[in-house]
Amino acid sequence: MAASRLPPGSLNLKQFLRRQQVLQLYRKILRAVREVPAEADRRYLKDWAREEFRRNKDATDEDAIRMMITQGNMQLQELQRTLKLAKS
């Protein structure tokens, strides 16, 4: 088998794409949080999101990461639904 030309610690393609999914989810959550009308609630949700992502930043198990992304997307959808209902 040929030696990898990637430097040690580099991400493979699958890891790179998964990382992009996580970053995209984080950005979407922060954008949704900006829509929350109450300042205290906005701050709480922003701190919560930051802490959740920080707490799981060292996760390496592919299945666990996929599960966390799925849960994060569900929580984002719930937040978006709640904001939509609050506006109507």
N, C-alpha and C. Protein backbone atom coordinates (compact mmCIF):
# COMPACT_ATOMS: atom_id res chain seq x y z
N MET A 1 0.84 -1.17 0.00
CA MET A 1 0.00 0.00 0.00
C MET A 1 0.89 1.24 0.00
N ALA A 2 0.55 2.22 -0.79
CA ALA A 2 1.34 3.45 -0.89
C ALA A 2 1.19 4.28 0.37
N ALA A 3 2.25 4.97 0.71
CA ALA A 3 2.22 5.84 1.88
C ALA A 3 1.37 7.07 1.57
N SER A 4 0.66 7.53 2.59
CA SER A 4 -0.19 8.70 2.43
C SER A 4 0.67 9.96 2.29
N ARG A 5 0.24 10.85 1.41
CA ARG A 5 0.98 12.10 1.23
C ARG A 5 0.46 13.19 2.17
N LEU A 6 -0.55 12.86 2.96
CA LEU A 6 -1.11 13.83 3.88
C LEU A 6 -0.23 13.95 5.12
N PRO A 7 -0.10 15.15 5.64
CA PRO A 7 0.66 15.30 6.89
C PRO A 7 -0.09 14.62 8.04
N PRO A 8 0.63 14.19 9.06
CA PRO A 8 -0.03 13.57 10.21
C PRO A 8 -1.06 14.53 10.81
N GLY A 9 -2.19 14.00 11.21
CA GLY A 9 -3.22 14.84 11.80
C GLY A 9 -4.19 15.45 10.79
N SER A 10 -3.97 15.21 9.51
CA SER A 10 -4.87 15.73 8.48
C SER A 10 -6.15 14.93 8.46
N LEU A 11 -7.21 15.57 8.02
CA LEU A 11 -8.50 14.90 7.91
C LEU A 11 -8.61 14.18 6.58
N ASN A 12 -9.22 13.01 6.59
CA ASN A 12 -9.51 12.37 5.31
C ASN A 12 -10.77 13.02 4.74
N LEU A 13 -11.17 12.65 3.56
CA LEU A 13 -12.31 13.30 2.90
C LEU A 13 -13.59 13.16 3.72
N LYS A 14 -13.84 11.97 4.23
CA LYS A 14 -15.05 11.74 5.00
C LYS A 14 -15.09 12.61 6.26
N GLN A 15 -13.96 12.71 6.94
CA GLN A 15 -13.88 13.55 8.14
C GLN A 15 -14.04 15.02 7.78
N PHE A 16 -13.45 15.43 6.68
CA PHE A 16 -13.56 16.82 6.24
C PHE A 16 -15.02 17.18 5.95
N LEU A 17 -15.73 16.30 5.24
CA LEU A 17 -17.13 16.56 4.92
C LEU A 17 -18.00 16.58 6.17
N ARG A 18 -17.73 15.68 7.11
CA ARG A 18 -18.48 15.64 8.36
C ARG A 18 -18.23 16.93 9.15
N ARG A 19 -16.99 17.40 9.15
CA ARG A 19 -16.65 18.65 9.83
C ARG A 19 -17.42 19.82 9.23
N GLN A 20 -17.53 19.83 7.91
CA GLN A 20 -18.29 20.88 7.24
C GLN A 20 -19.76 20.84 7.64
N GLN A 21 -20.31 19.63 7.78
CA GLN A 21 -21.71 19.50 8.24
C GLN A 21 -21.88 20.09 9.63
N VAL A 22 -20.94 19.79 10.51
CA VAL A 22 -21.01 20.29 11.89
C VAL A 22 -20.93 21.81 11.91
N LEU A 23 -19.99 22.37 11.17
CA LEU A 23 -19.85 23.83 11.13
C LEU A 23 -21.08 24.50 10.53
N GLN A 24 -21.64 23.89 9.51
CA GLN A 24 -22.85 24.43 8.89
C GLN A 24 -24.01 24.42 9.89
N LEU A 25 -24.15 23.34 10.64
CA LEU A 25 -25.20 23.25 11.65
C LEU A 25 -25.00 24.32 12.72
N TYR A 26 -23.78 24.49 13.17
CA TYR A 26 -23.47 25.51 14.20
C TYR A 26 -23.86 26.90 13.70
N ARG A 27 -23.49 27.22 12.47
CA ARG A 27 -23.83 28.54 11.92
C ARG A 27 -25.34 28.71 11.80
N LYS A 28 -26.04 27.67 11.37
CA LYS A 28 -27.50 27.76 11.25
C LYS A 28 -28.15 27.99 12.61
N ILE A 29 -27.65 27.30 13.63
CA ILE A 29 -28.20 27.48 14.98
C ILE A 29 -27.98 28.91 15.45
N LEU A 30 -26.77 29.43 15.26
CA LEU A 30 -26.50 30.80 15.70
C LEU A 30 -27.35 31.81 14.94
N ARG A 31 -27.59 31.56 13.65
CA ARG A 31 -28.47 32.46 12.88
C ARG A 31 -29.89 32.42 13.41
N ALA A 32 -30.37 31.22 13.73
CA ALA A 32 -31.72 31.09 14.27
C ALA A 32 -31.83 31.76 15.63
N VAL A 33 -30.80 31.65 16.45
CA VAL A 33 -30.81 32.26 17.78
C VAL A 33 -30.91 33.78 17.67
N ARG A 34 -30.34 34.35 16.63
CA ARG A 34 -30.43 35.81 16.44
C ARG A 34 -31.86 36.29 16.29
N GLU A 35 -32.75 35.39 15.88
CA GLU A 35 -34.15 35.75 15.67
C GLU A 35 -34.97 35.75 16.96
N VAL A 36 -34.40 35.21 18.04
CA VAL A 36 -35.12 35.16 19.32
C VAL A 36 -35.29 36.58 19.83
N PRO A 37 -36.54 36.98 20.16
CA PRO A 37 -36.78 38.37 20.53
C PRO A 37 -36.19 38.80 21.88
N ALA A 38 -36.22 37.94 22.87
CA ALA A 38 -35.76 38.32 24.21
C ALA A 38 -34.24 38.17 24.32
N GLU A 39 -33.60 39.22 24.78
CA GLU A 39 -32.13 39.23 24.90
C GLU A 39 -31.63 38.12 25.83
N ALA A 40 -32.28 37.93 26.96
CA ALA A 40 -31.85 36.90 27.92
C ALA A 40 -31.96 35.50 27.30
N ASP A 41 -33.04 35.26 26.57
CA ASP A 41 -33.21 33.96 25.92
C ASP A 41 -32.16 33.76 24.82
N ARG A 42 -31.89 34.83 24.07
CA ARG A 42 -30.86 34.76 23.02
C ARG A 42 -29.51 34.39 23.61
N ARG A 43 -29.16 35.06 24.69
CA ARG A 43 -27.87 34.80 25.34
C ARG A 43 -27.81 33.36 25.86
N TYR A 44 -28.90 32.91 26.49
CA TYR A 44 -28.95 31.55 27.01
C TYR A 44 -28.77 30.52 25.89
N LEU A 45 -29.50 30.69 24.80
CA LEU A 45 -29.42 29.74 23.69
C LEU A 45 -28.06 29.76 23.02
N LYS A 46 -27.48 30.95 22.88
CA LYS A 46 -26.14 31.05 22.28
C LYS A 46 -25.10 30.34 23.16
N ASP A 47 -25.18 30.58 24.47
CA ASP A 47 -24.25 29.92 25.39
C ASP A 47 -24.45 28.41 25.40
N TRP A 48 -25.72 27.98 25.33
CA TRP A 48 -26.03 26.55 25.30
C TRP A 48 -25.42 25.91 24.05
N ALA A 49 -25.62 26.54 22.90
CA ALA A 49 -25.09 25.99 21.65
C ALA A 49 -23.57 25.91 21.70
N ARG A 50 -22.95 26.99 22.13
CA ARG A 50 -21.48 26.99 22.24
C ARG A 50 -20.98 25.86 23.11
N GLU A 51 -21.61 25.71 24.29
CA GLU A 51 -21.16 24.69 25.23
C GLU A 51 -21.36 23.28 24.67
N GLU A 52 -22.48 23.03 24.01
CA GLU A 52 -22.73 21.71 23.43
C GLU A 52 -21.68 21.36 22.38
N PHE A 53 -21.38 22.32 21.52
CA PHE A 53 -20.39 22.05 20.47
C PHE A 53 -18.99 21.90 21.07
N ARG A 54 -18.66 22.71 22.06
CA ARG A 54 -17.35 22.59 22.71
C ARG A 54 -17.21 21.25 23.41
N ARG A 55 -18.28 20.85 24.11
CA ARG A 55 -18.24 19.60 24.87
C ARG A 55 -18.01 18.40 23.96
N ASN A 56 -18.48 18.48 22.74
CA ASN A 56 -18.38 17.34 21.82
C ASN A 56 -17.31 17.51 20.74
N LYS A 57 -16.47 18.50 20.87
CA LYS A 57 -15.50 18.79 19.80
C LYS A 57 -14.47 17.68 19.60
N ASP A 58 -14.23 16.88 20.61
CA ASP A 58 -13.23 15.82 20.49
C ASP A 58 -13.83 14.46 20.13
N ALA A 59 -15.11 14.43 19.81
CA ALA A 59 -15.76 13.17 19.45
C ALA A 59 -15.14 12.64 18.15
N THR A 60 -14.90 11.34 18.13
CA THR A 60 -14.29 10.73 16.94
C THR A 60 -15.12 9.58 16.38
N ASP A 61 -16.04 9.04 17.17
CA ASP A 61 -16.88 7.92 16.72
C ASP A 61 -17.85 8.42 15.65
N GLU A 62 -17.73 7.86 14.46
CA GLU A 62 -18.52 8.31 13.30
C GLU A 62 -20.02 8.22 13.55
N ASP A 63 -20.46 7.11 14.15
CA ASP A 63 -21.89 6.94 14.43
C ASP A 63 -22.38 7.97 15.44
N ALA A 64 -21.60 8.22 16.47
CA ALA A 64 -21.98 9.20 17.49
C ALA A 64 -22.07 10.60 16.88
N ILE A 65 -21.13 10.93 16.02
CA ILE A 65 -21.14 12.25 15.38
C ILE A 65 -22.37 12.40 14.49
N ARG A 66 -22.67 11.37 13.73
CA ARG A 66 -23.88 11.40 12.87
C ARG A 66 -25.13 11.59 13.72
N MET A 67 -25.20 10.88 14.84
CA MET A 67 -26.35 11.00 15.74
C MET A 67 -26.46 12.41 16.30
N MET A 68 -25.33 12.99 16.71
CA MET A 68 -25.35 14.35 17.25
C MET A 68 -25.78 15.37 16.20
N ILE A 69 -25.35 15.19 14.96
CA ILE A 69 -25.77 16.08 13.88
C ILE A 69 -27.27 15.97 13.67
N THR A 70 -27.79 14.74 13.68
CA THR A 70 -29.23 14.53 13.52
C THR A 70 -30.01 15.20 14.66
N GLN A 71 -29.55 15.01 15.89
CA GLN A 71 -30.21 15.64 17.03
C GLN A 71 -30.13 17.16 16.94
N GLY A 72 -29.00 17.67 16.54
CA GLY A 72 -28.84 19.12 16.39
C GLY A 72 -29.78 19.68 15.34
N ASN A 73 -29.93 18.97 14.23
CA ASN A 73 -30.86 19.42 13.18
C ASN A 73 -32.30 19.40 13.68
N MET A 74 -32.66 18.39 14.47
CA MET A 74 -34.01 18.32 15.02
C MET A 74 -34.24 19.48 15.99
N GLN A 75 -33.26 19.79 16.82
CA GLN A 75 -33.40 20.90 17.75
C GLN A 75 -33.48 22.24 17.01
N LEU A 76 -32.71 22.36 15.94
CA LEU A 76 -32.78 23.57 15.11
C LEU A 76 -34.16 23.72 14.50
N GLN A 77 -34.70 22.64 13.96
CA GLN A 77 -36.05 22.71 13.37
C GLN A 77 -37.09 23.09 14.41
N GLU A 78 -36.96 22.56 15.62
CA GLU A 78 -37.89 22.89 16.69
C GLU A 78 -37.79 24.38 17.04
N LEU A 79 -36.57 24.89 17.12
CA LEU A 79 -36.38 26.32 17.40
C LEU A 79 -37.00 27.16 16.30
N GLN A 80 -36.77 26.78 15.06
CA GLN A 80 -37.33 27.53 13.93
C GLN A 80 -38.86 27.50 13.94
N ARG A 81 -39.44 26.33 14.25
CA ARG A 81 -40.91 26.24 14.34
C ARG A 81 -41.45 27.13 15.45
N THR A 82 -40.77 27.11 16.59
CA THR A 82 -41.21 27.94 17.73
C THR A 82 -41.13 29.42 17.37
N LEU A 83 -40.06 29.83 16.71
CA LEU A 83 -39.92 31.23 16.33
C LEU A 83 -41.00 31.62 15.32
N LYS A 84 -41.30 30.72 14.40
CA LYS A 84 -42.32 31.00 13.40
C LYS A 84 -43.70 31.17 14.06
N LEU A 85 -44.00 30.30 15.03
CA LEU A 85 -45.26 30.40 15.75
C LEU A 85 -45.33 31.69 16.58
N ALA A 86 -44.21 32.08 17.16
CA ALA A 86 -44.18 33.30 17.97
C ALA A 86 -44.42 34.54 17.13
N LYS A 87 -44.00 34.51 15.89
CA LYS A 87 -44.17 35.66 15.00
C LYS A 87 -45.60 35.78 14.48
N SER A 88 -46.33 34.66 14.44
CA SER A 88 -47.69 34.72 13.87
C SER A 88 -48.73 35.04 14.91
